[in-house]
Amino acid sequence: MGYDRNAAHIDRFNTAVRTGDWSPVVAALHPDAVMTFTPVPAGPFTGRAAIAAAYAENPPDDTMRVVSVDGNTVLFEWSRGGTGTLSLRWAAGLISRLDVRFLD
């Protein structure tokens, strides 16, 4: 089940990068969701509205490709190079926490 939810999030993310429409990504977030980045100097962003504003102000411009999944942690490659992990937590069927770690 975790992989399916995680894969769906990455699909929404990649579609948003290509289209510029972040509303499906934001709609999948719990109202009190938290998004963090390590070691990037961004965030943390707390709440659906703050995360939506972050995507609107500084939208990502490269997609992710899943390399492997371990529970709710996804190892991914950016389309422009580099790798990272995305750890997701869920509450009531919505994403309650997104922790993004850039590895290289």
Protein backbone atom coordinates (compact mmCIF):
# COMPACT_ATOMS: atom_id res chain seq x y z
CA MET A 1 0.00 0.00 0.00
CA GLY A 2 2.80 2.45 0.90
CA TYR A 3 4.43 2.13 -2.50
CA ASP A 4 1.16 2.81 -4.29
CA ARG A 5 0.55 5.99 -2.30
CA ASN A 6 4.15 7.10 -2.69
CA ALA A 7 4.13 6.38 -6.42
CA ALA A 8 0.90 8.34 -6.79
CA HIS A 9 2.49 11.33 -5.05
CA ILE A 10 5.53 11.22 -7.32
CA ASP A 11 3.27 10.96 -10.37
CA ARG A 12 1.33 14.04 -9.18
CA PHE A 13 4.60 15.87 -8.51
CA ASN A 14 6.04 15.05 -11.95
CA THR A 15 2.82 16.09 -13.67
CA ALA A 16 2.85 19.38 -11.75
CA VAL A 17 6.46 20.05 -12.81
CA ARG A 18 5.46 19.55 -16.45
CA THR A 19 2.16 21.47 -16.33
CA GLY A 20 2.70 24.06 -13.61
CA ASP A 21 -0.57 23.00 -11.94
CA TRP A 22 0.27 22.21 -8.31
CA SER A 23 -3.36 21.92 -7.18
CA PRO A 24 -3.45 18.07 -7.28
CA VAL A 25 -0.26 17.93 -5.18
CA VAL A 26 -1.66 20.41 -2.67
CA ALA A 27 -5.05 18.64 -2.53
CA ALA A 28 -3.29 15.44 -1.41
CA LEU A 29 -1.85 17.21 1.65
CA HIS A 30 -3.31 17.10 5.15
CA PRO A 31 -4.30 20.64 6.24
CA ASP A 32 -1.54 20.53 8.89
CA ALA A 33 1.11 18.93 6.66
CA VAL A 34 4.79 19.77 7.15
CA MET A 35 7.41 19.81 4.38
CA THR A 36 11.13 19.90 5.19
CA PHE A 37 14.32 19.93 3.11
CA THR A 38 17.82 18.78 4.10
CA PRO A 39 20.45 20.21 3.55
CA VAL A 40 18.74 22.84 1.35
CA PRO A 41 18.05 26.21 3.02
CA ALA A 42 14.28 26.11 2.43
CA GLY A 43 11.42 25.67 4.84
CA PRO A 44 10.21 24.08 6.86
CA PHE A 45 6.75 24.80 5.54
CA THR A 46 3.87 24.10 7.90
CA GLY A 47 0.30 23.76 6.70
CA ARG A 48 -1.26 23.13 3.31
CA ALA A 49 -1.47 26.86 2.54
CA ALA A 50 2.23 27.45 3.31
CA ILE A 51 3.27 24.49 1.16
CA ALA A 52 1.02 25.71 -1.69
CA ALA A 53 2.61 29.16 -1.43
CA ALA A 54 6.10 27.62 -1.54
CA TYR A 55 5.26 25.71 -4.72
CA ALA A 56 3.76 28.88 -6.26
CA GLU A 57 6.74 31.08 -5.33
CA ASN A 58 9.52 28.66 -6.19
CA PRO A 59 8.18 25.74 -8.24
CA PRO A 60 10.49 22.77 -8.78
CA ASP A 61 11.59 22.39 -12.39
CA ASP A 62 12.89 18.84 -12.57
CA THR A 63 11.08 15.55 -12.18
CA MET A 64 11.86 12.52 -10.04
CA ARG A 65 12.42 8.91 -11.05
CA VAL A 66 11.95 6.23 -8.40
CA VAL A 67 15.08 4.15 -7.83
CA SER A 68 13.82 2.11 -4.87
CA VAL A 69 11.23 2.14 -2.11
CA ASP A 70 11.70 1.12 1.52
CA GLY A 71 8.39 1.47 3.34
CA ASN A 72 7.40 5.12 2.98
CA THR A 73 10.87 6.29 1.96
CA VAL A 74 11.63 6.64 -1.74
CA LEU A 75 15.15 6.89 -3.15
CA PHE A 76 14.90 8.96 -6.31
CA GLU A 77 16.95 10.50 -9.08
CA TRP A 78 16.30 14.02 -10.34
CA SER A 79 15.84 14.35 -14.09
CA ARG A 80 18.76 16.80 -14.20
CA GLY A 81 21.03 14.60 -12.10
CA GLY A 82 21.52 13.98 -8.42
CA THR A 83 19.71 11.77 -5.99
CA GLY A 84 17.67 12.16 -2.86
CA THR A 85 15.18 10.57 -0.57
CA LEU A 86 11.55 11.44 -0.01
CA SER A 87 9.99 10.21 3.21
CA LEU A 88 6.23 10.51 3.46
CA ARG A 89 3.92 10.16 6.43
CA TRP A 90 0.18 9.78 6.10
CA ALA A 91 -2.88 10.73 8.17
CA ALA A 92 -6.49 10.12 7.17
CA GLY A 93 -5.38 9.17 3.65
CA LEU A 94 -3.53 12.46 3.15
CA ILE A 95 0.16 13.31 3.29
CA SER A 96 0.93 14.73 6.72
CA ARG A 97 4.70 15.09 6.37
CA LEU A 98 7.17 15.27 3.47
CA ASP A 99 10.87 15.11 4.30
CA VAL A 100 13.13 15.66 1.28
CA ARG A 101 16.84 14.97 1.61
CA PHE A 102 19.23 15.86 -1.20
CA LEU A 103 22.08 13.34 -1.31
CA ASP A 104 24.21 14.74 -4.12
